[in-house]
Each structure stands twice: as C-alpha cells, then as structure tokens.
C-alpha atoms as a PDB file:
ATOM      1  CA  MET A   1     -14.071  12.273 -21.681  1.00  0.00           C
ATOM      2  CA  THR A   2     -11.931  15.321 -20.923  1.00  0.00           C
ATOM      3  CA  LEU A   3      -8.299  15.750 -21.875  1.00  0.00           C
ATOM      4  CA  TYR A   4      -7.588  15.583 -18.134  1.00  0.00           C
ATOM      5  CA  ASP A   5      -9.093  12.084 -18.094  1.00  0.00           C
ATOM      6  CA  GLU A   6      -7.306  11.089 -21.305  1.00  0.00           C
ATOM      7  CA  ILE A   7      -3.908  12.007 -19.914  1.00  0.00           C
ATOM      8  CA  GLY A   8      -4.531  10.043 -16.727  1.00  0.00           C
ATOM      9  CA  GLY A   9      -5.253  12.752 -14.173  1.00  0.00           C
ATOM     10  CA  PHE A  10      -3.174  14.867 -11.849  1.00  0.00           C
ATOM     11  CA  ASP A  11      -0.435  12.354 -11.061  1.00  0.00           C
ATOM     12  CA  VAL A  12       0.481  12.019 -14.732  1.00  0.00           C
ATOM     13  CA  LEU A  13       0.430  15.801 -15.208  1.00  0.00           C
ATOM     14  CA  LEU A  14       2.677  16.214 -12.178  1.00  0.00           C
ATOM     15  CA  ALA A  15       5.084  13.606 -13.565  1.00  0.00           C
ATOM     16  CA  VAL A  16       5.183  15.510 -16.870  1.00  0.00           C
ATOM     17  CA  CYS A  17       5.824  18.828 -15.107  1.00  0.00           C
ATOM     18  CA  ARG A  18       8.571  17.401 -12.899  1.00  0.00           C
ATOM     19  CA  ARG A  19      10.275  15.735 -15.856  1.00  0.00           C
ATOM     20  CA  TRP A  20      10.003  18.925 -17.920  1.00  0.00           C
ATOM     21  CA  HIS A  21      11.641  20.890 -15.113  1.00  0.00           C
ATOM     22  CA  GLU A  22      14.453  18.304 -14.881  1.00  0.00           C
ATOM     23  CA  LEU A  23      15.035  18.447 -18.628  1.00  0.00           C
ATOM     24  CA  CYS A  24      15.046  22.247 -18.711  1.00  0.00           C
ATOM     25  CA  LEU A  25      17.794  22.286 -16.088  1.00  0.00           C
ATOM     26  CA  THR A  26      20.072  20.273 -18.411  1.00  0.00           C
ATOM     27  CA  ASP A  27      20.420  23.066 -20.975  1.00  0.00           C
ATOM     28  CA  PRO A  28      22.060  26.437 -20.239  1.00  0.00           C
ATOM     29  CA  VAL A  29      19.446  28.379 -22.205  1.00  0.00           C
ATOM     30  CA  SER A  30      16.379  26.658 -20.775  1.00  0.00           C
ATOM     31  CA  ALA A  31      17.861  26.469 -17.267  1.00  0.00           C
ATOM     32  CA  HIS A  32      18.078  30.250 -16.996  1.00  0.00           C
ATOM     33  CA  PRO A  33      14.440  30.914 -15.954  1.00  0.00           C
ATOM     34  CA  PHE A  34      14.630  28.109 -13.390  1.00  0.00           C
ATOM     35  CA  GLU A  35      17.793  29.420 -11.729  1.00  0.00           C
ATOM     36  CA  ARG A  36      16.123  32.381 -10.054  1.00  0.00           C
ATOM     37  CA  PRO A  37      14.002  31.984  -6.918  1.00  0.00           C
ATOM     38  CA  MET A  38      10.767  30.218  -7.796  1.00  0.00           C
ATOM     39  CA  HIS A  39       7.546  29.234  -6.136  1.00  0.00           C
ATOM     40  CA  PRO A  40       8.500  26.300  -3.870  1.00  0.00           C
ATOM     41  CA  ARG A  41       5.827  24.144  -5.515  1.00  0.00           C
ATOM     42  CA  HIS A  42       6.363  25.259  -9.106  1.00  0.00           C
ATOM     43  CA  ASP A  43       5.798  21.814 -10.576  1.00  0.00           C
ATOM     44  CA  GLU A  44       2.596  21.306  -8.601  1.00  0.00           C
ATOM     45  CA  ARG A  45       1.375  24.770  -9.583  1.00  0.00           C
ATOM     46  CA  LEU A  46       1.977  24.076 -13.286  1.00  0.00           C
ATOM     47  CA  ALA A  47       0.261  20.692 -12.982  1.00  0.00           C
ATOM     48  CA  ALA A  48      -2.693  22.405 -11.282  1.00  0.00           C
ATOM     49  CA  TYR A  49      -2.891  24.925 -14.135  1.00  0.00           C
ATOM     50  CA  LEU A  50      -2.821  22.205 -16.778  1.00  0.00           C
ATOM     51  CA  ALA A  51      -5.325  20.068 -14.871  1.00  0.00           C
ATOM     52  CA  GLU A  52      -7.814  22.923 -14.907  1.00  0.00           C
ATOM     53  CA  ALA A  53      -7.111  23.762 -18.547  1.00  0.00           C
ATOM     54  CA  PHE A  54      -7.725  20.148 -19.533  1.00  0.00           C
ATOM     55  CA  GLY A  55     -11.118  19.881 -17.839  1.00  0.00           C
ATOM     56  CA  GLY A  56     -10.023  18.631 -14.443  1.00  0.00           C
ATOM     57  CA  PRO A  57     -10.556  20.181 -11.020  1.00  0.00           C
ATOM     58  CA  HIS A  58     -10.168  23.930 -10.586  1.00  0.00           C
ATOM     59  CA  LEU A  59      -6.928  23.590  -8.671  1.00  0.00           C
ATOM     60  CA  TYR A  60      -5.142  26.604 -10.148  1.00  0.00           C
ATOM     61  CA  THR A  61      -7.876  29.199  -9.800  1.00  0.00           C
ATOM     62  CA  GLY A  62      -8.919  27.582  -6.530  1.00  0.00           C
ATOM     63  CA  GLY A  63      -5.622  28.319  -4.831  1.00  0.00           C
ATOM     64  CA  TYR A  64      -2.842  29.755  -6.965  1.00  0.00           C
ATOM     65  CA  GLY A  65      -4.337  32.642  -8.922  1.00  0.00           C
ATOM     66  CA  ASP A  66      -6.069  33.465 -12.173  1.00  0.00           C
ATOM     67  CA  GLU A  67      -4.999  33.780 -15.790  1.00  0.00           C
ATOM     68  CA  SER A  68      -3.933  37.410 -15.360  1.00  0.00           C
ATOM     69  CA  SER A  69      -1.679  36.573 -12.408  1.00  0.00           C
ATOM     70  CA  MET A  70      -0.124  33.688 -14.350  1.00  0.00           C
ATOM     71  CA  MET A  71       0.554  35.942 -17.338  1.00  0.00           C
ATOM     72  CA  ARG A  72       2.153  38.543 -15.059  1.00  0.00           C
ATOM     73  CA  LEU A  73       4.532  35.884 -13.714  1.00  0.00           C
ATOM     74  CA  HIS A  74       5.810  35.311 -17.245  1.00  0.00           C
ATOM     75  CA  ALA A  75       5.574  38.873 -18.610  1.00  0.00           C
ATOM     76  CA  GLY A  76       8.312  41.413 -19.190  1.00  0.00           C
ATOM     77  CA  ASN A  77      10.997  39.024 -20.412  1.00  0.00           C
ATOM     78  CA  GLY A  78      11.330  40.320 -23.974  1.00  0.00           C
ATOM     79  CA  GLU A  79      11.858  38.111 -26.999  1.00  0.00           C
ATOM     80  CA  HIS A  80      13.135  34.608 -26.287  1.00  0.00           C
ATOM     81  CA  ALA A  81      12.469  32.429 -29.321  1.00  0.00           C
ATOM     82  CA  GLU A  82      15.458  30.157 -28.656  1.00  0.00           C
ATOM     83  CA  LEU A  83      14.343  29.569 -25.067  1.00  0.00           C
ATOM     84  CA  ASP A  84      10.783  28.833 -26.191  1.00  0.00           C
ATOM     85  CA  GLY A  85      11.952  26.330 -28.787  1.00  0.00           C
ATOM     86  CA  ILE A  86      14.123  24.432 -26.343  1.00  0.00           C
ATOM     87  CA  CYS A  87      11.467  24.426 -23.629  1.00  0.00           C
ATOM     88  CA  LEU A  88       8.781  23.219 -26.039  1.00  0.00           C
ATOM     89  CA  ALA A  89      11.017  20.386 -27.260  1.00  0.00           C
ATOM     90  CA  PHE A  90      11.696  19.392 -23.657  1.00  0.00           C
ATOM     91  CA  PHE A  91       7.963  19.460 -22.920  1.00  0.00           C
ATOM     92  CA  ASP A  92       7.393  17.039 -25.794  1.00  0.00           C
ATOM     93  CA  GLN A  93      10.129  14.821 -24.359  1.00  0.00           C
ATOM     94  CA  ALA A  94       8.599  15.018 -20.870  1.00  0.00           C
ATOM     95  CA  LEU A  95       5.265  13.860 -22.276  1.00  0.00           C
ATOM     96  CA  ALA A  96       6.944  10.875 -23.919  1.00  0.00           C
ATOM     97  CA  ASP A  97       8.950  10.069 -20.795  1.00  0.00           C
ATOM     98  CA  ALA A  98       5.741  10.101 -18.728  1.00  0.00           C
ATOM     99  CA  GLY A  99       4.082   7.705 -21.171  1.00  0.00           C
ATOM    100  CA  VAL A 100       1.750  10.222 -22.812  1.00  0.00           C
ATOM    101  CA  ALA A 101       1.562   9.422 -26.520  1.00  0.00           C
ATOM    102  CA  GLY A 102      -0.493   9.667 -29.686  1.00  0.00           C
ATOM    103  CA  ALA A 103      -3.399  12.056 -30.061  1.00  0.00           C
ATOM    104  CA  THR A 104      -3.416  12.864 -26.347  1.00  0.00           C
ATOM    105  CA  ALA A 105       0.221  13.962 -26.432  1.00  0.00           C
ATOM    106  CA  ALA A 106      -0.446  16.025 -29.557  1.00  0.00           C
ATOM    107  CA  ARG A 107      -3.369  17.844 -27.913  1.00  0.00           C
ATOM    108  CA  VAL A 108      -1.423  18.521 -24.712  1.00  0.00           C
ATOM    109  CA  ALA A 109       1.649  19.716 -26.619  1.00  0.00           C
ATOM    110  CA  GLY A 110      -0.520  21.913 -28.842  1.00  0.00           C
ATOM    111  CA  TYR A 111      -2.104  23.555 -25.832  1.00  0.00           C
ATOM    112  CA  PHE A 112       1.302  24.150 -24.212  1.00  0.00           C
ATOM    113  CA  ARG A 113       2.629  25.713 -27.422  1.00  0.00           C
ATOM    114  CA  ALA A 114      -0.397  27.997 -27.714  1.00  0.00           C
ATOM    115  CA  ALA A 115      -0.053  29.036 -24.070  1.00  0.00           C
ATOM    116  CA  THR A 116       3.628  29.801 -24.624  1.00  0.00           C
ATOM    117  CA  LEU A 117       2.843  31.943 -27.666  1.00  0.00           C
ATOM    118  CA  ALA A 118       0.056  33.761 -25.803  1.00  0.00           C
ATOM    119  CA  GLN A 119       2.637  35.014 -23.315  1.00  0.00           C
ATOM    120  CA  HIS A 120       4.387  36.927 -26.107  1.00  0.00           C
ATOM    121  CA  ALA A 121       1.615  39.527 -26.002  1.00  0.00           C
ATOM    122  CA  TYR A 122       3.031  40.795 -22.708  1.00  0.00           C
ATOM    123  CA  ARG A 123       6.758  40.480 -23.354  1.00  0.00           C
ATOM    124  CA  GLU A 124       7.489  44.125 -22.575  1.00  0.00           C
ATOM    125  CA  SER A 125       6.093  44.444 -19.045  1.00  0.00           C
ATOM    126  CA  PRO A 126       3.806  42.781 -16.493  1.00  0.00           C
ATOM    127  CA  ASP A 127       1.968  46.119 -16.446  1.00  0.00           C
ATOM    128  CA  GLN A 128       0.610  45.252 -19.918  1.00  0.00           C
ATOM    129  CA  VAL A 129      -1.430  42.339 -18.539  1.00  0.00           C
ATOM    130  CA  PRO A 130      -5.058  43.323 -17.971  1.00  0.00           C
ATOM    131  CA  ASP A 131      -7.108  42.062 -15.062  1.00  0.00           C
ATOM    132  CA  GLY A 132      -9.754  39.444 -15.714  1.00  0.00           C
ATOM    133  CA  LEU A 133      -8.203  37.481 -18.567  1.00  0.00           C
ATOM    134  CA  PRO A 134     -10.289  34.374 -19.289  1.00  0.00           C
ATOM    135  CA  PHE A 135      -8.741  31.047 -18.336  1.00  0.00           C
ATOM    136  CA  PRO A 136      -7.903  29.265 -21.622  1.00  0.00           C
ATOM    137  CA  LEU A 137      -9.343  25.766 -21.773  1.00  0.00           C
ATOM    138  CA  ALA A 138      -8.050  23.074 -24.100  1.00  0.00           C
END
C-alpha cells in the first residue's frame, strides 16, 4: 500500500491543502506568501504534487511541471525560519483537521518538512535551481 492509499487518495490531500491554506491566512507571517498573485488552482496543484510524491497518479508532472520548476517557484526568498516554522505547524494542524492521524500523519508531515528544508538550497535565486532535478518520492 502506498502512502497515497494510506492517506485516502486525492480528495483527502486536497482537503489538507485547502485547510493548510486557510490556516496560513490567519497569521500575518504565514499569510505573506499567499497575499501575492498565485496560481488560481494552488491548492489543487499542491495536492497533485503530494499525490505523486506519495505514490499516487503522476498529476503534477503530468500537467503542472517538474521538480525544477517547483523549486524555482519557491526559490530566491532568502532565510525565513519563522515562516517555515509557522507553516509547518499549520500543516500538522491541517492533517489533523482532515482526519489524518498516527503513523500516516507522521510520514506525510515528515515528507513536507523535508521538502520545505530542501528549498533552502535555492534561497538566493531561482537561477540556482538546475534543470532535471529528480522528483522526491516519500
């Protein structure tokens, strides 16, 4: 069984992503990245990314981009440890609010934390992101 199956599939991932977005908007620090113009289907795009990472359908690379393009979207924002901490706590809360618990929640949260930390490698500029980065699977 994949992590995608364990979590309950795309609808549960989308519920987590939507709830995370809602929670982030409640805090002035975590709201900041969401206040600029965004992809109109940001929550769906994030759910597609996570679905693929967790062994589900290739929704992200099948229509939204690849790992390098995703890293470029988040690159060039400098250090933001406070933002990361708040967003990670809200992600944990979104998992709980969506009914994801136990070992499954721990694995999903661990992946999200690792993905957040991986973005630090390109904090100076999107130009730092090489083409062809491998898609990180959970």
